[in-house]
Amino acid sequence: MSLRWAKIISFLFQPLLMPIYGTIILLNAGTWMSYTIFPALRNALYIVMFASTFLMPALTFILLLKRKEIHSLEMESRIERNIPYLSTLIFYIAGWYLLNKLPLPRVFGNIIMGASLAIFIAFLINLRWKISIHMIALGGTAGMLFAFATLFNFQLSVPLILLLIIAGITGTARLMLNAHIPSQVYSGFLLGFGVEWLFVYIYNLAPYY
């Protein structure tokens, strides 16, 4: 893999995009969610997810870059990541609040709250040690899909296998770019997977409306 491809892969599977990817998979995997959520409501879900987990955090990062609070959107320095972590966490919680106002199964709110918990833990870890947020996001998406597969017997084997392959490729890309050391990559994936799986699984044991 060339450095150019490593950068492309890092961009395509950046943390801010993973909640959108996960939502698209859930709504198009032939599960009950694919058929019970009407198009207008589905569009509202996409808009809220896109705005709260990608658009607003991305605009905040650009503002921080222009104000020289961060030196690049990659945020190589551990210290530079503190404000972006907290601002992203605020937007995620706002997204959770808006999702709860929509007539949607509460599983979607649980997904974003699980991600919020992972971000908060990542922020605490980042105070002392740099961890891969790319791998936290990928691990979280895999953990979420695994939780739904075990809870509701969703047939998500193919998306899960593809996601694990993508996680391996992305982890390799992050190492090639010298963004992280192996322990930061592995621990990031395990943290994301464990937190999202536990949160979604536990909070969806109750009726999901």
N, C-alpha and C. Protein backbone atom coordinates (compact mmCIF):
# COMPACT_ATOMS: atom_id res chain seq x y z
N MET A 1 0.85 -1.19 0.00
CA MET A 1 0.00 0.00 0.00
C MET A 1 0.88 1.25 0.00
N SER A 2 0.62 2.17 -0.93
CA SER A 2 1.39 3.41 -0.98
C SER A 2 0.87 4.39 0.06
N LEU A 3 1.66 5.42 0.34
CA LEU A 3 1.24 6.43 1.29
C LEU A 3 0.01 7.18 0.78
N ARG A 4 -0.08 7.34 -0.54
CA ARG A 4 -1.24 8.01 -1.11
C ARG A 4 -2.52 7.24 -0.80
N TRP A 5 -2.45 5.92 -1.01
CA TRP A 5 -3.63 5.09 -0.73
C TRP A 5 -3.92 5.04 0.77
N ALA A 6 -2.88 5.10 1.57
CA ALA A 6 -3.08 5.12 3.02
C ALA A 6 -3.86 6.36 3.43
N LYS A 7 -3.56 7.50 2.80
CA LYS A 7 -4.28 8.73 3.10
C LYS A 7 -5.72 8.66 2.61
N ILE A 8 -5.93 8.08 1.42
CA ILE A 8 -7.28 7.95 0.88
C ILE A 8 -8.14 7.06 1.78
N ILE A 9 -7.58 5.94 2.20
CA ILE A 9 -8.32 5.02 3.07
C ILE A 9 -8.62 5.68 4.41
N SER A 10 -7.66 6.42 4.95
CA SER A 10 -7.88 7.11 6.22
C SER A 10 -9.02 8.12 6.10
N PHE A 11 -9.14 8.74 4.92
CA PHE A 11 -10.22 9.71 4.71
C PHE A 11 -11.56 9.02 4.52
N LEU A 12 -11.59 7.97 3.71
CA LEU A 12 -12.85 7.28 3.41
C LEU A 12 -13.46 6.65 4.65
N PHE A 13 -12.61 6.19 5.57
CA PHE A 13 -13.11 5.52 6.77
C PHE A 13 -12.75 6.32 8.01
N GLN A 14 -12.84 7.64 7.88
CA GLN A 14 -12.58 8.50 9.02
C GLN A 14 -13.69 8.36 10.05
N PRO A 15 -13.42 8.67 11.29
CA PRO A 15 -14.39 8.46 12.38
C PRO A 15 -15.73 9.16 12.17
N LEU A 16 -15.71 10.37 11.60
CA LEU A 16 -16.95 11.13 11.46
C LEU A 16 -17.94 10.49 10.48
N LEU A 17 -17.45 9.62 9.62
CA LEU A 17 -18.32 8.99 8.63
C LEU A 17 -18.90 7.67 9.09
N MET A 18 -18.31 7.06 10.09
CA MET A 18 -18.72 5.70 10.46
C MET A 18 -20.15 5.60 10.98
N PRO A 19 -20.66 6.58 11.77
CA PRO A 19 -22.08 6.48 12.16
C PRO A 19 -23.03 6.47 10.97
N ILE A 20 -22.71 7.25 9.94
CA ILE A 20 -23.53 7.27 8.72
C ILE A 20 -23.47 5.92 8.03
N TYR A 21 -22.25 5.38 7.89
CA TYR A 21 -22.10 4.07 7.25
C TYR A 21 -22.89 3.01 8.01
N GLY A 22 -22.78 3.02 9.33
CA GLY A 22 -23.48 2.03 10.14
C GLY A 22 -24.99 2.13 9.99
N THR A 23 -25.51 3.36 9.94
CA THR A 23 -26.94 3.57 9.77
C THR A 23 -27.41 3.07 8.41
N ILE A 24 -26.64 3.36 7.37
CA ILE A 24 -26.98 2.90 6.02
C ILE A 24 -27.03 1.38 5.97
N ILE A 25 -26.07 0.72 6.62
CA ILE A 25 -26.06 -0.74 6.63
C ILE A 25 -27.32 -1.27 7.31
N LEU A 26 -27.66 -0.71 8.47
CA LEU A 26 -28.83 -1.20 9.22
C LEU A 26 -30.12 -1.03 8.43
N LEU A 27 -30.24 0.07 7.69
CA LEU A 27 -31.47 0.36 6.97
C LEU A 27 -31.54 -0.32 5.61
N ASN A 28 -30.48 -0.99 5.22
CA ASN A 28 -30.48 -1.63 3.90
C ASN A 28 -29.99 -3.07 3.95
N ALA A 29 -30.12 -3.69 5.13
CA ALA A 29 -29.63 -5.07 5.30
C ALA A 29 -30.75 -6.10 5.27
N GLY A 30 -31.94 -5.69 4.86
CA GLY A 30 -33.05 -6.62 4.79
C GLY A 30 -33.62 -7.00 6.14
N THR A 31 -33.41 -6.16 7.16
CA THR A 31 -33.94 -6.41 8.49
C THR A 31 -35.30 -5.73 8.62
N TRP A 32 -35.96 -5.89 9.79
CA TRP A 32 -37.25 -5.23 9.98
C TRP A 32 -37.12 -3.72 9.89
N MET A 33 -35.92 -3.18 10.17
CA MET A 33 -35.73 -1.74 10.05
C MET A 33 -35.85 -1.28 8.61
N SER A 34 -35.48 -2.17 7.68
CA SER A 34 -35.52 -1.82 6.26
C SER A 34 -36.94 -1.60 5.77
N TYR A 35 -37.92 -2.19 6.45
CA TYR A 35 -39.30 -2.17 5.96
C TYR A 35 -40.26 -1.39 6.83
N THR A 36 -39.90 -1.12 8.07
CA THR A 36 -40.84 -0.47 8.99
C THR A 36 -40.60 1.03 9.13
N ILE A 37 -39.50 1.54 8.61
CA ILE A 37 -39.21 2.97 8.70
C ILE A 37 -39.53 3.61 7.35
N PHE A 38 -40.53 4.48 7.32
CA PHE A 38 -41.00 5.08 6.09
C PHE A 38 -39.94 6.03 5.51
N PRO A 39 -39.98 6.25 4.18
CA PRO A 39 -38.95 7.08 3.52
C PRO A 39 -38.75 8.46 4.15
N ALA A 40 -39.83 9.15 4.49
CA ALA A 40 -39.70 10.49 5.06
C ALA A 40 -38.96 10.43 6.41
N LEU A 41 -39.30 9.44 7.21
CA LEU A 41 -38.65 9.28 8.51
C LEU A 41 -37.21 8.84 8.34
N ARG A 42 -36.97 8.00 7.34
CA ARG A 42 -35.61 7.57 7.05
C ARG A 42 -34.75 8.76 6.66
N ASN A 43 -35.30 9.65 5.84
CA ASN A 43 -34.56 10.85 5.43
C ASN A 43 -34.26 11.74 6.63
N ALA A 44 -35.23 11.87 7.53
CA ALA A 44 -35.01 12.67 8.74
C ALA A 44 -33.89 12.06 9.59
N LEU A 45 -33.87 10.74 9.67
CA LEU A 45 -32.82 10.05 10.42
C LEU A 45 -31.46 10.32 9.80
N TYR A 46 -31.37 10.22 8.49
CA TYR A 46 -30.10 10.48 7.80
C TYR A 46 -29.64 11.92 8.04
N ILE A 47 -30.57 12.85 7.97
CA ILE A 47 -30.22 14.27 8.14
C ILE A 47 -29.66 14.52 9.55
N VAL A 48 -30.35 14.00 10.55
CA VAL A 48 -29.90 14.20 11.94
C VAL A 48 -28.53 13.54 12.15
N MET A 49 -28.38 12.33 11.66
CA MET A 49 -27.10 11.63 11.83
C MET A 49 -25.98 12.36 11.11
N PHE A 50 -26.25 12.79 9.89
CA PHE A 50 -25.22 13.48 9.10
C PHE A 50 -24.83 14.80 9.76
N ALA A 51 -25.82 15.56 10.20
CA ALA A 51 -25.54 16.88 10.79
C ALA A 51 -24.80 16.76 12.12
N SER A 52 -25.24 15.83 12.98
CA SER A 52 -24.68 15.76 14.33
C SER A 52 -23.37 15.00 14.42
N THR A 53 -23.18 14.01 13.54
CA THR A 53 -21.97 13.19 13.66
C THR A 53 -20.91 13.51 12.61
N PHE A 54 -21.28 14.29 11.58
CA PHE A 54 -20.28 14.65 10.56
C PHE A 54 -20.20 16.15 10.32
N LEU A 55 -21.31 16.75 9.89
CA LEU A 55 -21.26 18.14 9.43
C LEU A 55 -20.80 19.10 10.52
N MET A 56 -21.47 19.10 11.66
CA MET A 56 -21.13 20.05 12.72
C MET A 56 -19.74 19.81 13.30
N PRO A 57 -19.36 18.54 13.60
CA PRO A 57 -17.97 18.33 14.05
C PRO A 57 -16.94 18.77 13.01
N ALA A 58 -17.20 18.47 11.72
CA ALA A 58 -16.25 18.84 10.67
C ALA A 58 -16.10 20.36 10.58
N LEU A 59 -17.21 21.08 10.65
CA LEU A 59 -17.14 22.55 10.61
C LEU A 59 -16.38 23.09 11.82
N THR A 60 -16.56 22.45 12.96
CA THR A 60 -15.82 22.87 14.17
C THR A 60 -14.32 22.65 13.99
N PHE A 61 -13.95 21.52 13.41
CA PHE A 61 -12.53 21.25 13.17
C PHE A 61 -11.93 22.28 12.23
N ILE A 62 -12.67 22.65 11.18
CA ILE A 62 -12.19 23.66 10.23
C ILE A 62 -12.01 25.00 10.92
N LEU A 63 -12.96 25.35 11.80
CA LEU A 63 -12.85 26.60 12.55
C LEU A 63 -11.63 26.58 13.47
N LEU A 64 -11.42 25.45 14.12
CA LEU A 64 -10.24 25.33 14.99
C LEU A 64 -8.95 25.44 14.19
N LEU A 65 -8.97 24.89 12.98
CA LEU A 65 -7.79 24.98 12.11
C LEU A 65 -7.52 26.43 11.70
N LYS A 66 -8.57 27.16 11.35
CA LYS A 66 -8.40 28.56 10.95
C LYS A 66 -7.93 29.42 12.11
N ARG A 67 -8.35 29.05 13.32
CA ARG A 67 -7.92 29.80 14.50
C ARG A 67 -6.59 29.29 15.05
N LYS A 68 -6.00 28.34 14.34
CA LYS A 68 -4.71 27.76 14.71
C LYS A 68 -4.73 27.06 16.07
N GLU A 69 -5.92 26.59 16.46
CA GLU A 69 -6.03 25.76 17.66
C GLU A 69 -5.50 24.36 17.39
N ILE A 70 -5.58 23.95 16.13
CA ILE A 70 -4.98 22.70 15.67
C ILE A 70 -4.14 23.01 14.44
N HIS A 71 -3.12 22.20 14.18
CA HIS A 71 -2.21 22.48 13.08
C HIS A 71 -2.63 21.80 11.78
N SER A 72 -3.43 20.76 11.87
CA SER A 72 -3.96 20.08 10.68
C SER A 72 -5.20 19.30 11.08
N LEU A 73 -5.98 18.91 10.09
CA LEU A 73 -7.18 18.13 10.36
C LEU A 73 -6.84 16.72 10.83
N GLU A 74 -5.60 16.30 10.63
CA GLU A 74 -5.16 14.99 11.13
C GLU A 74 -4.95 15.00 12.63
N MET A 75 -4.65 16.19 13.17
CA MET A 75 -4.43 16.36 14.62
C MET A 75 -3.45 15.32 15.16
N GLU A 76 -2.23 15.38 14.63
CA GLU A 76 -1.21 14.41 15.02
C GLU A 76 -0.88 14.47 16.51
N SER A 77 -0.93 15.69 17.06
CA SER A 77 -0.59 15.86 18.48
C SER A 77 -1.73 15.40 19.37
N ARG A 78 -1.39 14.70 20.43
CA ARG A 78 -2.40 14.25 21.40
C ARG A 78 -3.12 15.43 22.03
N ILE A 79 -2.39 16.50 22.36
CA ILE A 79 -2.97 17.67 23.03
C ILE A 79 -4.01 18.34 22.13
N GLU A 80 -3.76 18.36 20.82
CA GLU A 80 -4.68 19.01 19.90
C GLU A 80 -6.04 18.34 19.85
N ARG A 81 -6.13 17.11 20.29
CA ARG A 81 -7.36 16.34 20.15
C ARG A 81 -8.37 16.60 21.27
N ASN A 82 -7.98 17.26 22.32
CA ASN A 82 -8.87 17.42 23.47
C ASN A 82 -10.14 18.21 23.13
N ILE A 83 -9.98 19.39 22.55
CA ILE A 83 -11.15 20.21 22.20
C ILE A 83 -12.01 19.53 21.14
N PRO A 84 -11.42 18.96 20.07
CA PRO A 84 -12.25 18.24 19.10
C PRO A 84 -13.03 17.08 19.71
N TYR A 85 -12.42 16.36 20.65
CA TYR A 85 -13.15 15.28 21.33
C TYR A 85 -14.39 15.82 22.04
N LEU A 86 -14.20 16.89 22.81
CA LEU A 86 -15.31 17.43 23.60
C LEU A 86 -16.39 18.04 22.72
N SER A 87 -15.99 18.76 21.68
CA SER A 87 -16.98 19.36 20.79
C SER A 87 -17.77 18.29 20.06
N THR A 88 -17.09 17.24 19.62
CA THR A 88 -17.78 16.13 18.95
C THR A 88 -18.76 15.46 19.90
N LEU A 89 -18.35 15.30 21.14
CA LEU A 89 -19.22 14.69 22.14
C LEU A 89 -20.50 15.50 22.32
N ILE A 90 -20.38 16.82 22.33
CA ILE A 90 -21.56 17.69 22.47
C ILE A 90 -22.51 17.50 21.30
N PHE A 91 -21.97 17.45 20.09
CA PHE A 91 -22.83 17.28 18.91
C PHE A 91 -23.48 15.90 18.88
N TYR A 92 -22.77 14.89 19.35
CA TYR A 92 -23.35 13.55 19.41
C TYR A 92 -24.53 13.52 20.39
N ILE A 93 -24.36 14.16 21.53
CA ILE A 93 -25.44 14.19 22.51
C ILE A 93 -26.64 14.97 21.96
N ALA A 94 -26.36 16.06 21.22
CA ALA A 94 -27.44 16.81 20.57
C ALA A 94 -28.16 15.93 19.56
N GLY A 95 -27.40 15.11 18.82
CA GLY A 95 -28.00 14.19 17.87
C GLY A 95 -28.88 13.16 18.56
N TRP A 96 -28.41 12.66 19.70
CA TRP A 96 -29.21 11.72 20.48
C TRP A 96 -30.52 12.35 20.92
N TYR A 97 -30.47 13.61 21.36
CA TYR A 97 -31.67 14.31 21.79
C TYR A 97 -32.67 14.45 20.63
N LEU A 98 -32.17 14.83 19.46
CA LEU A 98 -33.05 15.01 18.30
C LEU A 98 -33.64 13.68 17.83
N LEU A 99 -32.84 12.63 17.87
CA LEU A 99 -33.35 11.32 17.46
C LEU A 99 -34.47 10.86 18.37
N ASN A 100 -34.37 11.18 19.66
CA ASN A 100 -35.41 10.80 20.60
C ASN A 100 -36.70 11.57 20.39
N LYS A 101 -36.63 12.68 19.66
CA LYS A 101 -37.83 13.45 19.34
C LYS A 101 -38.55 12.90 18.10
N LEU A 102 -37.87 12.06 17.35
CA LEU A 102 -38.47 11.47 16.16
C LEU A 102 -39.15 10.15 16.52
N PRO A 103 -40.22 9.79 15.80
CA PRO A 103 -40.91 8.51 16.08
C PRO A 103 -40.14 7.32 15.50
N LEU A 104 -38.96 7.11 16.06
CA LEU A 104 -38.06 6.05 15.60
C LEU A 104 -37.87 5.01 16.69
N PRO A 105 -37.53 3.78 16.31
CA PRO A 105 -37.11 2.80 17.33
C PRO A 105 -35.95 3.38 18.13
N ARG A 106 -35.95 3.20 19.43
CA ARG A 106 -34.94 3.83 20.27
C ARG A 106 -33.55 3.25 20.07
N VAL A 107 -33.44 2.20 19.26
CA VAL A 107 -32.12 1.63 19.01
C VAL A 107 -31.17 2.65 18.39
N PHE A 108 -31.71 3.57 17.58
CA PHE A 108 -30.84 4.54 16.91
C PHE A 108 -30.26 5.53 17.92
N GLY A 109 -31.06 5.94 18.89
CA GLY A 109 -30.54 6.78 19.95
C GLY A 109 -29.50 6.06 20.78
N ASN A 110 -29.71 4.76 21.00
CA ASN A 110 -28.75 3.97 21.76
C ASN A 110 -27.42 3.85 21.03
N ILE A 111 -27.49 3.76 19.70
CA ILE A 111 -26.25 3.69 18.90
C ILE A 111 -25.40 4.92 19.13
N ILE A 112 -26.04 6.09 19.03
CA ILE A 112 -25.27 7.33 19.14
C ILE A 112 -24.82 7.58 20.57
N MET A 113 -25.58 7.10 21.56
CA MET A 113 -25.13 7.24 22.94
C MET A 113 -23.97 6.31 23.24
N GLY A 114 -23.98 5.12 22.64
CA GLY A 114 -22.84 4.22 22.78
C GLY A 114 -21.58 4.85 22.21
N ALA A 115 -21.74 5.49 21.05
CA ALA A 115 -20.61 6.19 20.43
C ALA A 115 -20.15 7.35 21.30
N SER A 116 -21.10 8.05 21.93
CA SER A 116 -20.75 9.16 22.82
C SER A 116 -19.92 8.67 24.00
N LEU A 117 -20.32 7.53 24.55
CA LEU A 117 -19.57 6.96 25.67
C LEU A 117 -18.14 6.60 25.24
N ALA A 118 -18.00 6.03 24.04
CA ALA A 118 -16.68 5.68 23.54
C ALA A 118 -15.82 6.93 23.35
N ILE A 119 -16.43 8.01 22.85
CA ILE A 119 -15.69 9.26 22.67
C ILE A 119 -15.24 9.81 24.02
N PHE A 120 -16.11 9.75 25.02
CA PHE A 120 -15.75 10.26 26.34
C PHE A 120 -14.59 9.47 26.94
N ILE A 121 -14.64 8.15 26.80
CA ILE A 121 -13.54 7.32 27.31
C ILE A 121 -12.26 7.63 26.54
N ALA A 122 -12.39 7.83 25.22
CA ALA A 122 -11.22 8.18 24.41
C ALA A 122 -10.62 9.51 24.86
N PHE A 123 -11.49 10.46 25.20
CA PHE A 123 -11.01 11.75 25.71
C PHE A 123 -10.21 11.57 26.99
N LEU A 124 -10.72 10.76 27.91
CA LEU A 124 -10.01 10.52 29.17
C LEU A 124 -8.66 9.85 28.92
N ILE A 125 -8.64 8.86 28.03
CA ILE A 125 -7.39 8.18 27.70
C ILE A 125 -6.42 9.16 27.06
N ASN A 126 -6.95 10.04 26.21
CA ASN A 126 -6.11 10.97 25.47
C ASN A 126 -5.40 11.98 26.38
N LEU A 127 -5.88 12.13 27.60
CA LEU A 127 -5.20 13.02 28.53
C LEU A 127 -3.80 12.53 28.87
N ARG A 128 -3.60 11.21 28.74
CA ARG A 128 -2.30 10.63 29.06
C ARG A 128 -1.66 9.87 27.90
N TRP A 129 -2.48 9.42 26.95
CA TRP A 129 -1.97 8.51 25.92
C TRP A 129 -2.81 8.64 24.66
N LYS A 130 -2.16 8.67 23.53
CA LYS A 130 -2.85 8.79 22.25
C LYS A 130 -3.43 7.45 21.83
N ILE A 131 -4.70 7.45 21.44
CA ILE A 131 -5.35 6.23 20.98
C ILE A 131 -5.99 6.50 19.62
N SER A 132 -6.13 5.47 18.80
CA SER A 132 -6.63 5.65 17.44
C SER A 132 -8.14 5.83 17.42
N ILE A 133 -8.60 7.04 17.10
CA ILE A 133 -10.03 7.29 17.00
C ILE A 133 -10.61 6.65 15.73
N HIS A 134 -9.77 6.49 14.69
CA HIS A 134 -10.21 5.75 13.51
C HIS A 134 -10.66 4.34 13.89
N MET A 135 -9.83 3.69 14.69
CA MET A 135 -10.12 2.30 15.05
C MET A 135 -11.23 2.21 16.08
N ILE A 136 -11.36 3.23 16.93
CA ILE A 136 -12.49 3.25 17.86
C ILE A 136 -13.80 3.30 17.07
N ALA A 137 -13.83 4.14 16.03
CA ALA A 137 -15.05 4.27 15.22
C ALA A 137 -15.36 2.99 14.45
N LEU A 138 -14.33 2.39 13.87
CA LEU A 138 -14.53 1.13 13.14
C LEU A 138 -14.93 0.01 14.08
N GLY A 139 -14.26 -0.07 15.23
CA GLY A 139 -14.61 -1.09 16.21
C GLY A 139 -16.01 -0.88 16.75
N GLY A 140 -16.40 0.39 16.96
CA GLY A 140 -17.74 0.68 17.44
C GLY A 140 -18.81 0.26 16.45
N THR A 141 -18.56 0.52 15.17
CA THR A 141 -19.52 0.11 14.14
C THR A 141 -19.64 -1.40 14.08
N ALA A 142 -18.52 -2.09 14.18
CA ALA A 142 -18.54 -3.56 14.20
C ALA A 142 -19.26 -4.07 15.44
N GLY A 143 -19.01 -3.45 16.59
CA GLY A 143 -19.67 -3.85 17.83
C GLY A 143 -21.17 -3.64 17.77
N MET A 144 -21.58 -2.54 17.15
CA MET A 144 -23.01 -2.25 17.00
C MET A 144 -23.68 -3.29 16.13
N LEU A 145 -23.06 -3.62 15.00
CA LEU A 145 -23.64 -4.63 14.11
C LEU A 145 -23.70 -6.00 14.78
N PHE A 146 -22.66 -6.32 15.53
CA PHE A 146 -22.64 -7.62 16.23
C PHE A 146 -23.74 -7.67 17.28
N ALA A 147 -23.97 -6.55 17.96
CA ALA A 147 -25.04 -6.50 18.97
C ALA A 147 -26.40 -6.74 18.33
N PHE A 148 -26.66 -6.11 17.19
CA PHE A 148 -27.93 -6.30 16.51
C PHE A 148 -28.08 -7.71 15.98
N ALA A 149 -26.98 -8.29 15.51
CA ALA A 149 -27.03 -9.66 15.00
C ALA A 149 -27.39 -10.64 16.11
N THR A 150 -26.85 -10.41 17.31
CA THR A 150 -27.11 -11.33 18.42
C THR A 150 -28.45 -11.05 19.10
N LEU A 151 -28.86 -9.78 19.13
CA LEU A 151 -30.11 -9.43 19.79
C LEU A 151 -31.34 -9.80 18.96
N PHE A 152 -31.31 -9.43 17.69
CA PHE A 152 -32.49 -9.55 16.84
C PHE A 152 -32.34 -10.59 15.73
N ASN A 153 -31.25 -11.35 15.78
CA ASN A 153 -30.98 -12.37 14.78
C ASN A 153 -30.90 -11.79 13.37
N PHE A 154 -30.34 -10.57 13.28
CA PHE A 154 -30.14 -9.96 11.96
C PHE A 154 -29.04 -10.73 11.22
N GLN A 155 -29.22 -10.90 9.93
CA GLN A 155 -28.21 -11.54 9.09
C GLN A 155 -27.19 -10.50 8.64
N LEU A 156 -26.19 -10.28 9.47
CA LEU A 156 -25.21 -9.23 9.20
C LEU A 156 -23.79 -9.79 9.05
N SER A 157 -23.70 -11.08 8.73
CA SER A 157 -22.38 -11.71 8.63
C SER A 157 -21.52 -11.06 7.55
N VAL A 158 -22.11 -10.80 6.38
CA VAL A 158 -21.34 -10.21 5.28
C VAL A 158 -20.86 -8.81 5.63
N PRO A 159 -21.75 -7.89 6.09
CA PRO A 159 -21.25 -6.57 6.49
C PRO A 159 -20.20 -6.63 7.58
N LEU A 160 -20.36 -7.55 8.53
CA LEU A 160 -19.38 -7.65 9.62
C LEU A 160 -18.02 -8.10 9.10
N ILE A 161 -18.01 -9.09 8.22
CA ILE A 161 -16.75 -9.57 7.67
C ILE A 161 -16.06 -8.47 6.86
N LEU A 162 -16.85 -7.77 6.03
CA LEU A 162 -16.29 -6.67 5.24
C LEU A 162 -15.74 -5.57 6.14
N LEU A 163 -16.45 -5.30 7.22
CA LEU A 163 -16.01 -4.26 8.14
C LEU A 163 -14.72 -4.64 8.85
N LEU A 164 -14.58 -5.91 9.20
CA LEU A 164 -13.34 -6.36 9.82
C LEU A 164 -12.17 -6.25 8.85
N ILE A 165 -12.41 -6.56 7.58
CA ILE A 165 -11.37 -6.41 6.56
C ILE A 165 -10.98 -4.94 6.41
N ILE A 166 -12.01 -4.07 6.36
CA ILE A 166 -11.76 -2.63 6.24
C ILE A 166 -10.99 -2.13 7.46
N ALA A 167 -11.35 -2.64 8.64
CA ALA A 167 -10.64 -2.23 9.86
C ALA A 167 -9.16 -2.61 9.78
N GLY A 168 -8.88 -3.80 9.28
CA GLY A 168 -7.50 -4.23 9.13
C GLY A 168 -6.74 -3.36 8.16
N ILE A 169 -7.38 -3.02 7.04
CA ILE A 169 -6.74 -2.17 6.03
C ILE A 169 -6.52 -0.76 6.58
N THR A 170 -7.53 -0.25 7.27
CA THR A 170 -7.41 1.11 7.83
C THR A 170 -6.35 1.15 8.92
N GLY A 171 -6.31 0.14 9.77
CA GLY A 171 -5.28 0.09 10.80
C GLY A 171 -3.89 0.08 10.19
N THR A 172 -3.73 -0.69 9.12
CA THR A 172 -2.45 -0.72 8.41
C THR A 172 -2.10 0.65 7.84
N ALA A 173 -3.12 1.32 7.29
CA ALA A 173 -2.91 2.66 6.72
C ALA A 173 -2.45 3.64 7.80
N ARG A 174 -3.07 3.57 8.97
CA ARG A 174 -2.69 4.48 10.06
C ARG A 174 -1.25 4.22 10.52
N LEU A 175 -0.85 2.96 10.51
CA LEU A 175 0.52 2.63 10.88
C LEU A 175 1.51 3.12 9.82
N MET A 176 1.13 2.97 8.55
CA MET A 176 2.01 3.42 7.47
C MET A 176 2.22 4.94 7.50
N LEU A 177 1.18 5.66 7.92
CA LEU A 177 1.27 7.11 8.00
C LEU A 177 1.94 7.59 9.28
N ASN A 178 2.38 6.63 10.11
CA ASN A 178 3.01 6.94 11.39
C ASN A 178 2.10 7.77 12.30
N ALA A 179 0.80 7.57 12.13
CA ALA A 179 -0.17 8.27 12.98
C ALA A 179 -0.28 7.60 14.34
N HIS A 180 0.02 6.30 14.38
CA HIS A 180 -0.12 5.54 15.62
C HIS A 180 0.90 4.41 15.66
N ILE A 181 1.07 3.86 16.85
CA ILE A 181 1.84 2.64 17.02
C ILE A 181 0.84 1.49 17.11
N PRO A 182 1.27 0.25 16.93
CA PRO A 182 0.33 -0.88 16.91
C PRO A 182 -0.59 -0.96 18.13
N SER A 183 -0.06 -0.72 19.32
CA SER A 183 -0.90 -0.84 20.52
C SER A 183 -2.04 0.18 20.51
N GLN A 184 -1.83 1.35 19.93
CA GLN A 184 -2.88 2.36 19.86
C GLN A 184 -3.97 1.96 18.86
N VAL A 185 -3.57 1.25 17.82
CA VAL A 185 -4.51 0.76 16.81
C VAL A 185 -5.36 -0.36 17.39
N TYR A 186 -4.71 -1.36 17.98
CA TYR A 186 -5.43 -2.52 18.52
C TYR A 186 -6.35 -2.12 19.67
N SER A 187 -5.83 -1.30 20.58
CA SER A 187 -6.64 -0.90 21.73
C SER A 187 -7.82 -0.04 21.30
N GLY A 188 -7.64 0.77 20.26
CA GLY A 188 -8.73 1.59 19.75
C GLY A 188 -9.88 0.73 19.23
N PHE A 189 -9.54 -0.29 18.45
CA PHE A 189 -10.59 -1.16 17.92
C PHE A 189 -11.31 -1.91 19.04
N LEU A 190 -10.56 -2.44 19.98
CA LEU A 190 -11.16 -3.20 21.08
C LEU A 190 -12.04 -2.31 21.96
N LEU A 191 -11.60 -1.08 22.20
CA LEU A 191 -12.40 -0.14 23.00
C LEU A 191 -13.71 0.17 22.30
N GLY A 192 -13.63 0.52 21.01
CA GLY A 192 -14.85 0.86 20.27
C GLY A 192 -15.81 -0.31 20.20
N PHE A 193 -15.28 -1.49 19.90
CA PHE A 193 -16.13 -2.68 19.79
C PHE A 193 -16.79 -3.00 21.13
N GLY A 194 -16.00 -3.02 22.18
CA GLY A 194 -16.52 -3.41 23.49
C GLY A 194 -17.56 -2.44 24.02
N VAL A 195 -17.29 -1.15 23.94
CA VAL A 195 -18.22 -0.15 24.47
C VAL A 195 -19.53 -0.15 23.70
N GLU A 196 -19.44 -0.12 22.37
CA GLU A 196 -20.67 -0.06 21.57
C GLU A 196 -21.48 -1.35 21.70
N TRP A 197 -20.81 -2.48 21.69
CA TRP A 197 -21.53 -3.76 21.82
C TRP A 197 -22.24 -3.84 23.16
N LEU A 198 -21.54 -3.52 24.24
CA LEU A 198 -22.15 -3.60 25.57
C LEU A 198 -23.31 -2.63 25.71
N PHE A 199 -23.10 -1.39 25.26
CA PHE A 199 -24.13 -0.37 25.41
C PHE A 199 -25.38 -0.73 24.62
N VAL A 200 -25.22 -1.05 23.34
CA VAL A 200 -26.37 -1.38 22.51
C VAL A 200 -27.05 -2.65 23.00
N TYR A 201 -26.28 -3.65 23.36
CA TYR A 201 -26.85 -4.94 23.79
C TYR A 201 -27.64 -4.78 25.08
N ILE A 202 -27.04 -4.13 26.07
CA ILE A 202 -27.71 -4.00 27.37
C ILE A 202 -28.96 -3.14 27.27
N TYR A 203 -28.88 -2.01 26.57
CA TYR A 203 -30.00 -1.08 26.54
C TYR A 203 -31.10 -1.49 25.57
N ASN A 204 -30.84 -2.52 24.79
CA ASN A 204 -31.89 -2.99 23.90
C ASN A 204 -32.48 -4.34 24.35
N LEU A 205 -32.11 -4.76 25.53
CA LEU A 205 -32.75 -5.97 26.07
C LEU A 205 -34.20 -5.69 26.43
N ALA A 206 -34.48 -4.40 26.76
CA ALA A 206 -35.85 -3.99 27.02
C ALA A 206 -36.56 -3.77 25.68
N PRO A 207 -37.91 -3.65 25.67
CA PRO A 207 -38.62 -3.35 24.42
C PRO A 207 -38.04 -2.16 23.72
N TYR A 208 -37.92 -2.22 22.41
CA TYR A 208 -37.15 -1.20 21.71
C TYR A 208 -38.00 -0.11 21.08
N TYR A 209 -39.17 0.14 21.60
CA TYR A 209 -39.92 1.33 21.18
C TYR A 209 -40.19 2.19 22.41
